[in-house]
C-alpha atoms as a PDB file:
ATOM      1  CA  MET A   1     120.947 101.964 100.334  1.00  0.00           C
ATOM      2  CA  PRO A   2     117.837 103.360 101.367  1.00  0.00           C
ATOM      3  CA  TYR A   3     118.104 106.214 103.876  1.00  0.00           C
ATOM      4  CA  ARG A   4     117.393 105.122 107.510  1.00  0.00           C
ATOM      5  CA  ALA A   5     115.853 107.471 109.859  1.00  0.00           C
ATOM      6  CA  ARG A   6     117.553 108.175 113.187  1.00  0.00           C
ATOM      7  CA  ASP A   7     115.600 107.710 116.547  1.00  0.00           C
ATOM      8  CA  ILE A   8     114.904 110.822 118.607  1.00  0.00           C
ATOM      9  CA  ASP A   9     117.914 110.097 120.893  1.00  0.00           C
ATOM     10  CA  SER A  10     120.409 110.069 118.060  1.00  0.00           C
ATOM     11  CA  ILE A  11     119.061 113.390 116.597  1.00  0.00           C
ATOM     12  CA  SER A  12     119.391 114.850 120.051  1.00  0.00           C
ATOM     13  CA  ARG A  13     122.788 113.948 120.215  1.00  0.00           C
ATOM     14  CA  SER A  14     123.504 115.384 116.955  1.00  0.00           C
ATOM     15  CA  VAL A  15     122.048 118.738 117.878  1.00  0.00           C
ATOM     16  CA  ARG A  16     123.943 118.893 121.206  1.00  0.00           C
ATOM     17  CA  LYS A  17     127.288 118.205 119.414  1.00  0.00           C
ATOM     18  CA  ALA A  18     126.178 120.959 116.854  1.00  0.00           C
ATOM     19  CA  VAL A  19     125.535 123.421 119.666  1.00  0.00           C
ATOM     20  CA  ARG A  20     129.084 122.643 121.273  1.00  0.00           C
ATOM     21  CA  GLN A  21     130.655 123.257 117.891  1.00  0.00           C
ATOM     22  CA  TYR A  22     129.105 126.348 116.709  1.00  0.00           C
ATOM     23  CA  LEU A  23     128.470 128.146 120.231  1.00  0.00           C
ATOM     24  CA  PRO A  24     131.830 127.454 122.018  1.00  0.00           C
ATOM     25  CA  GLY A  25     131.480 127.400 125.669  1.00  0.00           C
ATOM     26  CA  THR A  26     128.056 126.227 125.887  1.00  0.00           C
ATOM     27  CA  ASP A  27     126.324 122.951 126.651  1.00  0.00           C
ATOM     28  CA  ALA A  28     122.898 121.826 125.362  1.00  0.00           C
ATOM     29  CA  GLY A  29     123.153 118.787 127.673  1.00  0.00           C
ATOM     30  CA  ILE A  30     122.517 120.627 130.987  1.00  0.00           C
ATOM     31  CA  ARG A  31     118.965 120.644 132.390  1.00  0.00           C
ATOM     32  CA  GLY A  32     117.372 123.977 133.188  1.00  0.00           C
ATOM     33  CA  ASN A  33     119.455 125.542 130.189  1.00  0.00           C
ATOM     34  CA  VAL A  34     117.548 127.257 127.531  1.00  0.00           C
ATOM     35  CA  LEU A  35     119.851 125.444 124.871  1.00  0.00           C
ATOM     36  CA  TYR A  36     118.550 122.131 126.570  1.00  0.00           C
ATOM     37  CA  VAL A  37     115.082 123.017 125.714  1.00  0.00           C
ATOM     38  CA  LEU A  38     115.837 124.142 122.288  1.00  0.00           C
ATOM     39  CA  GLN A  39     117.787 120.975 121.317  1.00  0.00           C
ATOM     40  CA  LYS A  40     114.898 118.972 122.477  1.00  0.00           C
ATOM     41  CA  ALA A  41     112.456 120.844 120.472  1.00  0.00           C
ATOM     42  CA  MET A  42     114.781 120.710 117.369  1.00  0.00           C
ATOM     43  CA  ALA A  43     115.070 116.862 117.807  1.00  0.00           C
ATOM     44  CA  LEU A  44     111.110 116.676 117.863  1.00  0.00           C
ATOM     45  CA  LEU A  45     111.085 118.729 114.771  1.00  0.00           C
ATOM     46  CA  PHE A  46     113.678 116.919 112.960  1.00  0.00           C
ATOM     47  CA  GLU A  47     112.238 113.407 113.803  1.00  0.00           C
ATOM     48  CA  PRO A  48     109.224 113.397 111.247  1.00  0.00           C
ATOM     49  CA  LEU A  49     111.429 114.905 108.771  1.00  0.00           C
ATOM     50  CA  GLU A  50     113.873 112.125 108.954  1.00  0.00           C
ATOM     51  CA  GLN A  51     110.892 109.591 108.819  1.00  0.00           C
ATOM     52  CA  ARG A  52     109.752 111.331 105.736  1.00  0.00           C
ATOM     53  CA  LEU A  53     113.063 111.121 104.122  1.00  0.00           C
ATOM     54  CA  GLU A  54     113.244 107.502 104.812  1.00  0.00           C
ATOM     55  CA  TRP A  55     109.926 106.941 103.249  1.00  0.00           C
ATOM     56  CA  LEU A  56     110.849 108.993 100.018  1.00  0.00           C
ATOM     57  CA  SER A  57     114.060 107.001  99.929  1.00  0.00           C
ATOM     58  CA  LYS A  58     112.133 103.640  99.822  1.00  0.00           C
ATOM     59  CA  GLN A  59     109.900 104.973  97.082  1.00  0.00           C
ATOM     60  CA  GLN A  60     112.844 105.284  94.746  1.00  0.00           C
ATOM     61  CA  HIS A  61     113.172 101.577  94.411  1.00  0.00           C
ATOM     62  CA  LEU A  62     110.530  99.272  93.144  1.00  0.00           C
ATOM     63  CA  ASN A  63     111.410  96.614  95.519  1.00  0.00           C
ATOM     64  CA  SER A  64     110.753  98.653  98.653  1.00  0.00           C
ATOM     65  CA  ALA A  65     108.054 101.232  97.434  1.00  0.00           C
ATOM     66  CA  SER A  66     104.976 101.144  99.555  1.00  0.00           C
ATOM     67  CA  ASP A  67     102.714 103.627  97.691  1.00  0.00           C
ATOM     68  CA  GLU A  68     100.480 102.128  95.106  1.00  0.00           C
ATOM     69  CA  ARG A  69     100.770 104.824  92.674  1.00  0.00           C
ATOM     70  CA  THR A  70     104.548 104.899  92.869  1.00  0.00           C
ATOM     71  CA  ILE A  71     104.774 101.162  92.217  1.00  0.00           C
ATOM     72  CA  GLU A  72     102.358 101.657  89.136  1.00  0.00           C
ATOM     73  CA  ALA A  73     104.639 104.517  88.002  1.00  0.00           C
ATOM     74  CA  HIS A  74     107.796 102.262  88.312  1.00  0.00           C
ATOM     75  CA  ALA A  75     106.046  99.492  86.414  1.00  0.00           C
ATOM     76  CA  ALA A  76     104.852 102.001  83.724  1.00  0.00           C
ATOM     77  CA  GLU A  77     108.402 102.815  82.913  1.00  0.00           C
ATOM     78  CA  TYR A  78     108.533  99.213  81.401  1.00  0.00           C
ATOM     79  CA  ARG A  79     105.157  99.537  79.871  1.00  0.00           C
ATOM     80  CA  ILE A  80     103.680  97.279  82.466  1.00  0.00           C
ATOM     81  CA  THR A  81     100.200  98.108  83.765  1.00  0.00           C
ATOM     82  CA  ARG A  82      97.875  96.757  86.367  1.00  0.00           C
ATOM     83  CA  LYS A  83      95.844  93.940  84.777  1.00  0.00           C
ATOM     84  CA  PRO A  84      92.065  95.153  84.738  1.00  0.00           C
ATOM     85  CA  ALA A  85      89.198  93.024  85.950  1.00  0.00           C
ATOM     86  CA  THR A  86      87.850  91.077  82.838  1.00  0.00           C
ATOM     87  CA  ALA A  87      84.596  89.283  81.895  1.00  0.00           C
ATOM     88  CA  ALA A  88      84.356  85.634  81.349  1.00  0.00           C
ATOM     89  CA  THR A  89      83.497  84.389  77.814  1.00  0.00           C
ATOM     90  CA  GLY A  90      82.829  81.047  76.227  1.00  0.00           C
ATOM     91  CA  ALA A  91      79.944  78.990  74.693  1.00  0.00           C
ATOM     92  CA  ILE A  92      76.679  77.363  76.026  1.00  0.00           C
ATOM     93  CA  GLU A  93      74.657  74.734  74.686  1.00  0.00           C
ATOM     94  CA  GLY A  94      71.081  73.953  74.499  1.00  0.00           C
ATOM     95  CA  THR A  95      67.944  73.518  72.305  1.00  0.00           C
ATOM     96  CA  GLY A  96      65.507  75.895  70.523  1.00  0.00           C
ATOM     97  CA  GLN A  97      63.398  75.728  67.523  1.00  0.00           C
ATOM     98  CA  ALA A  98      64.776  73.866  64.553  1.00  0.00           C
ATOM     99  CA  GLY A  99      66.146  76.149  62.007  1.00  0.00           C
ATOM    100  CA  ARG A 100      65.422  79.399  63.754  1.00  0.00           C
ATOM    101  CA  THR A 101      67.967  82.183  64.107  1.00  0.00           C
ATOM    102  CA  TYR A 102      68.035  83.762  67.611  1.00  0.00           C
ATOM    103  CA  PRO A 103      69.482  87.366  67.898  1.00  0.00           C
ATOM    104  CA  ALA A 104      72.358  88.492  70.096  1.00  0.00           C
ATOM    105  CA  GLY A 105      71.408  89.945  73.432  1.00  0.00           C
ATOM    106  CA  ILE A 106      69.663  86.981  75.122  1.00  0.00           C
ATOM    107  CA  ARG A 107      70.348  86.904  78.708  1.00  0.00           C
ATOM    108  CA  PHE A 108      71.148  83.929  80.927  1.00  0.00           C
ATOM    109  CA  LEU A 109      71.718  83.414  84.676  1.00  0.00           C
ATOM    110  CA  SER A 110      73.988  81.252  86.774  1.00  0.00           C
ATOM    111  CA  ALA A 111      74.707  81.636  90.467  1.00  0.00           C
ATOM    112  CA  ASN A 112      73.850  85.531  90.812  1.00  0.00           C
ATOM    113  CA  GLN A 113      75.850  86.381  87.496  1.00  0.00           C
ATOM    114  CA  SER A 114      74.182  87.155  84.179  1.00  0.00           C
ATOM    115  CA  TYR A 115      75.538  86.453  80.768  1.00  0.00           C
ATOM    116  CA  VAL A 116      74.506  87.887  77.388  1.00  0.00           C
ATOM    117  CA  THR A 117      74.797  86.129  73.901  1.00  0.00           C
ATOM    118  CA  THR A 118      77.151  88.150  71.668  1.00  0.00           C
ATOM    119  CA  ALA A 119      76.319  86.894  68.064  1.00  0.00           C
ATOM    120  CA  PRO A 120      73.278  85.504  66.428  1.00  0.00           C
ATOM    121  CA  ALA A 121      72.864  81.723  66.422  1.00  0.00           C
ATOM    122  CA  THR A 122      70.811  79.225  64.372  1.00  0.00           C
ATOM    123  CA  ALA A 123      69.504  75.999  65.976  1.00  0.00           C
ATOM    124  CA  ASP A 124      70.124  72.911  63.785  1.00  0.00           C
ATOM    125  CA  GLU A 125      67.508  70.489  62.293  1.00  0.00           C
ATOM    126  CA  ALA A 126      67.362  68.813  65.626  1.00  0.00           C
ATOM    127  CA  GLY A 127      67.085  71.841  67.586  1.00  0.00           C
ATOM    128  CA  ALA A 128      70.456  72.050  68.985  1.00  0.00           C
ATOM    129  CA  ILE A 129      72.029  75.407  69.353  1.00  0.00           C
ATOM    130  CA  VAL A 130      75.244  76.897  70.584  1.00  0.00           C
ATOM    131  CA  PHE A 131      75.476  80.682  71.838  1.00  0.00           C
ATOM    132  CA  SER A 132      78.631  82.496  72.449  1.00  0.00           C
ATOM    133  CA  VAL A 133      78.208  84.410  75.789  1.00  0.00           C
ATOM    134  CA  THR A 134      79.980  86.896  77.845  1.00  0.00           C
ATOM    135  CA  SER A 135      79.301  87.976  81.493  1.00  0.00           C
ATOM    136  CA  GLU A 136      77.984  91.290  82.091  1.00  0.00           C
ATOM    137  CA  ALA A 137      80.159  91.644  85.308  1.00  0.00           C
ATOM    138  CA  THR A 138      83.818  91.160  85.656  1.00  0.00           C
ATOM    139  CA  GLY A 139      86.068  89.108  87.899  1.00  0.00           C
ATOM    140  CA  ALA A 140      87.045  85.624  88.601  1.00  0.00           C
ATOM    141  CA  ALA A 141      83.505  84.825  89.875  1.00  0.00           C
ATOM    142  CA  THR A 142      82.045  85.004  86.446  1.00  0.00           C
ATOM    143  CA  ASN A 143      84.018  81.784  85.184  1.00  0.00           C
ATOM    144  CA  ARG A 144      82.167  78.699  84.906  1.00  0.00           C
ATOM    145  CA  GLU A 145      83.216  75.104  84.496  1.00  0.00           C
ATOM    146  CA  ALA A 146      82.155  72.767  81.622  1.00  0.00           C
ATOM    147  CA  GLU A 147      78.666  71.488  81.994  1.00  0.00           C
ATOM    148  CA  ALA A 148      77.694  74.114  84.579  1.00  0.00           C
ATOM    149  CA  GLU A 149      73.916  74.921  84.402  1.00  0.00           C
ATOM    150  CA  MET A 150      72.580  78.186  82.762  1.00  0.00           C
ATOM    151  CA  LEU A 151      69.209  79.368  83.127  1.00  0.00           C
ATOM    152  CA  LEU A 152      67.308  81.497  80.564  1.00  0.00           C
ATOM    153  CA  ALA A 153      66.790  84.911  82.299  1.00  0.00           C
ATOM    154  CA  ASP A 154      63.187  85.667  80.710  1.00  0.00           C
ATOM    155  CA  ALA A 155      61.647  82.720  78.992  1.00  0.00           C
ATOM    156  CA  ALA A 156      58.578  84.933  77.888  1.00  0.00           C
ATOM    157  CA  LEU A 157      61.059  86.765  75.460  1.00  0.00           C
ATOM    158  CA  THR A 158      62.125  83.689  73.754  1.00  0.00           C
ATOM    159  CA  PRO A 159      59.527  80.900  74.433  1.00  0.00           C
ATOM    160  CA  THR A 160      60.941  78.511  71.962  1.00  0.00           C
ATOM    161  CA  LEU A 161      64.218  78.321  73.748  1.00  0.00           C
ATOM    162  CA  ALA A 162      64.840  75.811  76.483  1.00  0.00           C
ATOM    163  CA  GLU A 163      64.932  77.192  79.869  1.00  0.00           C
ATOM    164  CA  GLU A 164      68.149  75.291  80.971  1.00  0.00           C
ATOM    165  CA  PHE A 165      71.452  75.532  79.004  1.00  0.00           C
ATOM    166  CA  GLN A 166      74.815  74.018  79.742  1.00  0.00           C
ATOM    167  CA  VAL A 167      78.385  75.506  79.584  1.00  0.00           C
ATOM    168  CA  GLY A 168      80.256  73.930  76.702  1.00  0.00           C
ATOM    169  CA  ALA A 169      83.246  71.718  76.875  1.00  0.00           C
ATOM    170  CA  GLY A 170      85.715  74.640  77.019  1.00  0.00           C
ATOM    171  CA  GLY A 171      84.017  76.305  79.971  1.00  0.00           C
ATOM    172  CA  LEU A 172      83.532  79.912  80.455  1.00  0.00           C
ATOM    173  CA  GLY A 173      86.904  81.498  81.095  1.00  0.00           C
ATOM    174  CA  GLY A 174      89.122  84.493  80.943  1.00  0.00           C
ATOM    175  CA  GLY A 175      87.200  86.280  83.924  1.00  0.00           C
ATOM    176  CA  ALA A 176      89.759  87.868  86.448  1.00  0.00           C
ATOM    177  CA  ASP A 177      89.688  90.241  89.286  1.00  0.00           C
ATOM    178  CA  ARG A 178      91.759  93.548  89.101  1.00  0.00           C
ATOM    179  CA  GLU A 179      95.401  92.828  89.776  1.00  0.00           C
ATOM    180  CA  ASP A 180      96.594  93.277  93.224  1.00  0.00           C
ATOM    181  CA  ILE A 181      99.636  95.621  93.752  1.00  0.00           C
ATOM    182  CA  GLU A 182     102.058  92.935  94.876  1.00  0.00           C
ATOM    183  CA  SER A 183     101.410  90.954  91.614  1.00  0.00           C
ATOM    184  CA  LEU A 184     102.133  94.125  89.603  1.00  0.00           C
ATOM    185  CA  ARG A 185     105.256  94.768  91.680  1.00  0.00           C
ATOM    186  CA  ALA A 186     106.478  90.948  91.050  1.00  0.00           C
ATOM    187  CA  ARG A 187     105.889  91.395  87.214  1.00  0.00           C
ATOM    188  CA  ALA A 188     107.741  94.620  86.940  1.00  0.00           C
ATOM    189  CA  LEU A 189     110.706  93.230  88.987  1.00  0.00           C
ATOM    190  CA  ASP A 190     110.793  90.049  86.841  1.00  0.00           C
ATOM    191  CA  ARG A 191     110.841  92.393  83.758  1.00  0.00           C
ATOM    192  CA  LYS A 192     113.892  94.185  85.174  1.00  0.00           C
ATOM    193  CA  ARG A 193     115.555  91.114  86.109  1.00  0.00           C
ATOM    194  CA  ARG A 194     114.954  89.140  82.949  1.00  0.00           C
ATOM    195  CA  PRO A 195     114.519  91.703  80.003  1.00  0.00           C
ATOM    196  CA  PRO A 196     113.238  90.624  76.811  1.00  0.00           C
ATOM    197  CA  GLN A 197     115.365  88.612  74.451  1.00  0.00           C
ATOM    198  CA  GLY A 198     113.229  88.199  71.457  1.00  0.00           C
ATOM    199  CA  GLY A 199     112.107  84.702  72.202  1.00  0.00           C
ATOM    200  CA  SER A 200     113.531  83.369  75.437  1.00  0.00           C
ATOM    201  CA  LEU A 201     111.662  81.123  77.693  1.00  0.00           C
ATOM    202  CA  SER A 202     111.231  84.039  80.181  1.00  0.00           C
ATOM    203  CA  ASP A 203     109.532  86.307  77.260  1.00  0.00           C
ATOM    204  CA  TYR A 204     106.778  83.661  77.028  1.00  0.00           C
ATOM    205  CA  GLU A 205     106.288  83.453  80.602  1.00  0.00           C
ATOM    206  CA  GLN A 206     106.051  87.378  80.916  1.00  0.00           C
ATOM    207  CA  ILE A 207     103.518  87.281  78.192  1.00  0.00           C
ATOM    208  CA  ALA A 208     101.314  84.728  79.913  1.00  0.00           C
ATOM    209  CA  LEU A 209     101.650  86.698  83.171  1.00  0.00           C
ATOM    210  CA  SER A 210     100.110  89.863  81.560  1.00  0.00           C
ATOM    211  CA  VAL A 211      96.805  88.123  80.670  1.00  0.00           C
ATOM    212  CA  PRO A 212      94.296  88.914  83.385  1.00  0.00           C
ATOM    213  CA  GLY A 213      93.884  85.990  85.789  1.00  0.00           C
ATOM    214  CA  VAL A 214      97.132  84.183  85.077  1.00  0.00           C
ATOM    215  CA  VAL A 215      99.243  84.151  88.481  1.00  0.00           C
ATOM    216  CA  LYS A 216     102.096  81.803  87.396  1.00  0.00           C
ATOM    217  CA  ALA A 217     103.604  80.624  84.207  1.00  0.00           C
ATOM    218  CA  TRP A 218     106.401  78.009  83.293  1.00  0.00           C
ATOM    219  CA  ALA A 219     107.842  77.913  79.534  1.00  0.00           C
ATOM    220  CA  PHE A 220     110.065  75.051  78.441  1.00  0.00           C
ATOM    221  CA  ARG A 221     111.385  73.571  75.291  1.00  0.00           C
ATOM    222  CA  MET A 222     109.331  70.805  73.856  1.00  0.00           C
ATOM    223  CA  THR A 223     110.958  67.788  72.250  1.00  0.00           C
ATOM    224  CA  ASP A 224     108.571  67.286  69.399  1.00  0.00           C
ATOM    225  CA  GLY A 225     109.699  70.333  67.166  1.00  0.00           C
ATOM    226  CA  ILE A 226     112.687  72.446  66.552  1.00  0.00           C
ATOM    227  CA  GLY A 227     112.123  75.748  68.443  1.00  0.00           C
ATOM    228  CA  ALA A 228     108.784  74.704  69.840  1.00  0.00           C
ATOM    229  CA  ILE A 229     107.827  76.133  73.101  1.00  0.00           C
ATOM    230  CA  GLY A 230     105.244  74.772  75.688  1.00  0.00           C
ATOM    231  CA  LEU A 231     103.918  76.760  78.426  1.00  0.00           C
ATOM    232  CA  PHE A 232     102.180  75.679  81.676  1.00  0.00           C
ATOM    233  CA  PHE A 233     100.315  78.105  83.655  1.00  0.00           C
ATOM    234  CA  LEU A 234      97.788  78.624  86.560  1.00  0.00           C
ATOM    235  CA  PHE A 235      94.660  80.712  86.632  1.00  0.00           C
ATOM    236  CA  GLU A 236      93.134  82.440  89.597  1.00  0.00           C
ATOM    237  CA  GLY A 237      89.549  81.513  90.515  1.00  0.00           C
ATOM    238  CA  ARG A 238      89.688  77.999  88.984  1.00  0.00           C
ATOM    239  CA  THR A 239      89.554  74.676  91.016  1.00  0.00           C
ATOM    240  CA  ASN A 240      93.378  74.299  92.265  1.00  0.00           C
ATOM    241  CA  ARG A 241      94.043  77.135  89.798  1.00  0.00           C
ATOM    242  CA  ILE A 242      93.909  74.755  87.030  1.00  0.00           C
ATOM    243  CA  PRO A 243      92.985  76.493  83.752  1.00  0.00           C
ATOM    244  CA  GLU A 244      89.986  75.582  81.673  1.00  0.00           C
ATOM    245  CA  ALA A 245      90.057  75.565  77.727  1.00  0.00           C
ATOM    246  CA  ALA A 246      88.638  78.979  77.709  1.00  0.00           C
ATOM    247  CA  ASP A 247      91.632  80.265  79.841  1.00  0.00           C
ATOM    248  CA  VAL A 248      94.040  78.341  77.549  1.00  0.00           C
ATOM    249  CA  ALA A 249      92.515  80.212  74.573  1.00  0.00           C
ATOM    250  CA  ALA A 250      92.842  83.765  76.315  1.00  0.00           C
ATOM    251  CA  VAL A 251      96.773  82.980  76.837  1.00  0.00           C
ATOM    252  CA  ASP A 252      97.055  81.455  73.242  1.00  0.00           C
ATOM    253  CA  ALA A 253      95.622  84.747  71.804  1.00  0.00           C
ATOM    254  CA  ALA A 254      98.062  86.831  73.820  1.00  0.00           C
ATOM    255  CA  LEU A 255     101.054  84.692  72.632  1.00  0.00           C
ATOM    256  CA  GLU A 256      99.824  84.979  68.973  1.00  0.00           C
ATOM    257  CA  ALA A 257      99.553  88.838  69.250  1.00  0.00           C
ATOM    258  CA  ALA A 258     103.288  88.921  70.486  1.00  0.00           C
ATOM    259  CA  ARG A 259     104.558  86.880  67.608  1.00  0.00           C
ATOM    260  CA  LEU A 260     108.037  85.965  68.969  1.00  0.00           C
ATOM    261  CA  ILE A 261     110.605  84.393  66.894  1.00  0.00           C
ATOM    262  CA  ARG A 262     109.788  80.722  67.476  1.00  0.00           C
ATOM    263  CA  VAL A 263     108.302  77.939  65.420  1.00  0.00           C
ATOM    264  CA  ASP A 264     105.316  77.655  67.939  1.00  0.00           C
ATOM    265  CA  ALA A 265     104.178  78.355  71.463  1.00  0.00           C
ATOM    266  CA  THR A 266     101.680  76.034  72.974  1.00  0.00           C
ATOM    267  CA  PRO A 267      99.876  77.097  76.308  1.00  0.00           C
ATOM    268  CA  MET A 268      98.655  74.191  78.395  1.00  0.00           C
ATOM    269  CA  ALA A 269      96.867  73.400  81.689  1.00  0.00           C
ATOM    270  CA  PRO A 270      98.882  71.247  83.993  1.00  0.00           C
ATOM    271  CA  VAL A 271      97.286  68.084  85.223  1.00  0.00           C
ATOM    272  CA  ALA A 272      96.386  68.293  88.871  1.00  0.00           C
ATOM    273  CA  VAL A 273      97.873  65.321  90.884  1.00  0.00           C
ATOM    274  CA  PRO A 274      96.521  65.246  94.505  1.00  0.00           C
ATOM    275  CA  VAL A 275      99.107  64.631  97.195  1.00  0.00           C
ATOM    276  CA  PRO A 276      97.355  62.861 100.266  1.00  0.00           C
ATOM    277  CA  VAL A 277      98.896  63.609 103.531  1.00  0.00           C
ATOM    278  CA  THR A 278      98.470  61.528 106.626  1.00  0.00           C
ATOM    279  CA  ILE A 279      99.454  63.097 110.196  1.00  0.00           C
ATOM    280  CA  SER A 280      99.609  61.217 113.351  1.00  0.00           C
ATOM    281  CA  GLY A 281     100.459  62.360 116.867  1.00  0.00           C
ATOM    282  CA  LEU A 282      99.342  65.774 116.672  1.00  0.00           C
ATOM    283  CA  ALA A 283      99.681  67.330 120.215  1.00  0.00           C
ATOM    284  CA  ARG A 284      97.011  69.708 119.885  1.00  0.00           C
ATOM    285  CA  ASP A 285      94.331  68.450 117.655  1.00  0.00           C
ATOM    286  CA  THR A 286      91.786  71.016 117.158  1.00  0.00           C
ATOM    287  CA  ALA A 287      89.593  71.982 114.230  1.00  0.00           C
ATOM    288  CA  GLU A 288      91.363  75.286 113.973  1.00  0.00           C
ATOM    289  CA  ILE A 289      94.677  73.816 113.814  1.00  0.00           C
ATOM    290  CA  ARG A 290      93.408  71.172 111.311  1.00  0.00           C
ATOM    291  CA  ALA A 291      92.206  74.148 109.160  1.00  0.00           C
ATOM    292  CA  ALA A 292      95.356  76.088 109.434  1.00  0.00           C
ATOM    293  CA  ILE A 293      97.483  73.128 108.434  1.00  0.00           C
ATOM    294  CA  ALA A 294      95.303  72.608 105.314  1.00  0.00           C
ATOM    295  CA  ALA A 295      95.615  76.319 104.597  1.00  0.00           C
ATOM    296  CA  ALA A 296      99.452  76.348 105.072  1.00  0.00           C
ATOM    297  CA  LEU A 297      99.994  73.253 102.834  1.00  0.00           C
ATOM    298  CA  THR A 298      97.874  74.812 100.119  1.00  0.00           C
ATOM    299  CA  ALA A 299      99.850  78.089 100.240  1.00  0.00           C
ATOM    300  CA  MET A 300     103.208  76.161 100.285  1.00  0.00           C
ATOM    301  CA  LEU A 301     102.261  74.113  97.204  1.00  0.00           C
ATOM    302  CA  PHE A 302     101.416  77.486  95.367  1.00  0.00           C
ATOM    303  CA  GLU A 303     104.639  79.078  96.446  1.00  0.00           C
ATOM    304  CA  ARG A 304     107.052  76.198  95.895  1.00  0.00           C
ATOM    305  CA  ALA A 305     105.668  73.681  93.525  1.00  0.00           C
ATOM    306  CA  ARG A 306     105.549  73.660  89.715  1.00  0.00           C
ATOM    307  CA  PRO A 307     104.684  71.359  86.905  1.00  0.00           C
ATOM    308  CA  SER A 308     107.131  68.705  85.875  1.00  0.00           C
ATOM    309  CA  MET A 309     108.714  69.395  82.348  1.00  0.00           C
ATOM    310  CA  PRO A 310     110.562  67.109  80.002  1.00  0.00           C
ATOM    311  CA  ASP A 311     114.205  68.463  80.668  1.00  0.00           C
ATOM    312  CA  ASP A 312     113.372  69.411  84.251  1.00  0.00           C
ATOM    313  CA  PRO A 313     111.305  66.920  86.308  1.00  0.00           C
ATOM    314  CA  PHE A 314     109.788  68.065  89.507  1.00  0.00           C
ATOM    315  CA  ALA A 315     109.870  66.088  92.854  1.00  0.00           C
ATOM    316  CA  LEU A 316     107.836  67.344  95.926  1.00  0.00           C
ATOM    317  CA  SER A 317     110.262  67.196  98.894  1.00  0.00           C
ATOM    318  CA  ARG A 318     108.710  65.399 101.897  1.00  0.00           C
ATOM    319  CA  SER A 319     110.598  67.784 104.149  1.00  0.00           C
ATOM    320  CA  TRP A 320     108.785  70.688 102.690  1.00  0.00           C
ATOM    321  CA  ILE A 321     105.591  69.232 103.932  1.00  0.00           C
ATOM    322  CA  GLY A 322     106.804  68.589 107.496  1.00  0.00           C
ATOM    323  CA  GLU A 323     108.469  72.069 107.659  1.00  0.00           C
ATOM    324  CA  THR A 324     104.960  73.634 106.842  1.00  0.00           C
ATOM    325  CA  ILE A 325     103.053  71.698 109.329  1.00  0.00           C
ATOM    326  CA  SER A 326     105.509  72.525 112.012  1.00  0.00           C
ATOM    327  CA  GLY A 327     105.325  76.369 111.156  1.00  0.00           C
ATOM    328  CA  VAL A 328     101.599  76.446 111.871  1.00  0.00           C
ATOM    329  CA  THR A 329     100.793  78.388 114.949  1.00  0.00           C
ATOM    330  CA  GLY A 330      99.734  76.154 117.837  1.00  0.00           C
ATOM    331  CA  GLU A 331     101.331  73.083 116.340  1.00  0.00           C
ATOM    332  CA  ASP A 332     103.657  71.708 118.928  1.00  0.00           C
ATOM    333  CA  ARG A 333     104.284  68.121 117.481  1.00  0.00           C
ATOM    334  CA  HIS A 334     103.411  65.664 114.705  1.00  0.00           C
ATOM    335  CA  ILE A 335     104.511  62.775 112.937  1.00  0.00           C
ATOM    336  CA  LEU A 336     104.295  62.849 109.186  1.00  0.00           C
ATOM    337  CA  VAL A 337     103.208  59.368 108.021  1.00  0.00           C
ATOM    338  CA  VAL A 338     102.192  60.017 104.367  1.00  0.00           C
ATOM    339  CA  PRO A 339     104.084  60.840 102.108  1.00  0.00           C
ATOM    340  CA  ALA A 340     106.832  58.508 103.396  1.00  0.00           C
ATOM    341  CA  ALA A 341     109.341  59.861 100.768  1.00  0.00           C
ATOM    342  CA  ASP A 342     109.533  62.482  98.122  1.00  0.00           C
ATOM    343  CA  VAL A 343     106.829  62.308  95.524  1.00  0.00           C
ATOM    344  CA  SER A 344     107.771  62.407  91.791  1.00  0.00           C
ATOM    345  CA  PHE A 345     105.728  63.605  89.034  1.00  0.00           C
ATOM    346  CA  ALA A 346     105.346  62.954  85.198  1.00  0.00           C
ATOM    347  CA  THR A 347     105.665  65.571  82.631  1.00  0.00           C
ATOM    348  CA  GLY A 348     102.734  67.962  82.715  1.00  0.00           C
ATOM    349  CA  GLU A 349     101.646  66.908  86.240  1.00  0.00           C
ATOM    350  CA  TYR A 350     101.228  69.399  88.948  1.00  0.00           C
ATOM    351  CA  PRO A 351     100.786  68.795  92.778  1.00  0.00           C
ATOM    352  CA  VAL A 352      97.850  69.839  94.508  1.00  0.00           C
ATOM    353  CA  LEU A 353      96.755  69.110  98.156  1.00  0.00           C
ATOM    354  CA  GLY A 354      94.729  65.875  98.437  1.00  0.00           C
ATOM    355  CA  THR A 355      92.960  64.560 101.583  1.00  0.00           C
ATOM    356  CA  VAL A 356      94.464  65.344 104.799  1.00  0.00           C
ATOM    357  CA  THR A 357      94.029  62.495 107.215  1.00  0.00           C
ATOM    358  CA  TYR A 358      94.783  62.304 110.925  1.00  0.00           C
ATOM    359  CA  ALA A 359      95.529  59.047 112.547  1.00  0.00           C
END
């Protein structure tokens, strides 16, 4: 058990008892007595010491540690380090001069982010060309969905290239912010609670969670092959956290590098299924409360929902929705109209918040 600091009154009582024990015939509880003043001063001296002892006691355990460096040290004992910010990578498509080879280092722009080609590319006979690019900055803001527009940064340097390109079907993915400390704590605690077993489902989930940007993962046994493993995961910075093809490729590379004892492991993006919600009789119907309800429902789904799996179907409990709405500050009364019952999902489907309607 962590050490609990005593309050100043408890410390004072302990000092008075010690005075009576070691100085027979004296009483540090009598006002005006020099011992009374001394015991008060000693209590004030020991109070911050006890608080320090309580703080140090908490740092000894990963689940209660509050100092970031201490949490990082606990995690490092299991070779778990904080995931760094990473750059987005992928392919973009456009046109250039037929048959011409363009060098690496050509810069493109998209929404205040810059991207650079990483390898030479040659336009085909029709002029179509595909560049592999990586973002010059790091973070989730560098990811781009398929068909997003990319602009040539300096058309004067490569006048034979089109000024507008599009992100390829796989999107630009793999970009992630630096891992926050609570995510690191959760991964380290998960490693302690579910140690590696050379190919268990938890091993695959932990490998996926070690990839920058991955925030949740669920491994399951597939039915189309002996020993085959499927893996659904969520990726920060994407719409509803649903991964793009480039994010799937990043997780697949991590699984391949681990080479666990299985026939195959296939990472997959779950299919987002919007869950519409209709509320009537909202006692205090303001824009602030509506926004708070939407935010609370989104957070609840992230915390409690998961993809439906072949051997473990998922159903979203209607009571979770009502409970979440009732917990919003300022909400006094409501009637949940839709959904009218628990919502079931097919294999691979993942619930996300749909349109919230107020009747």
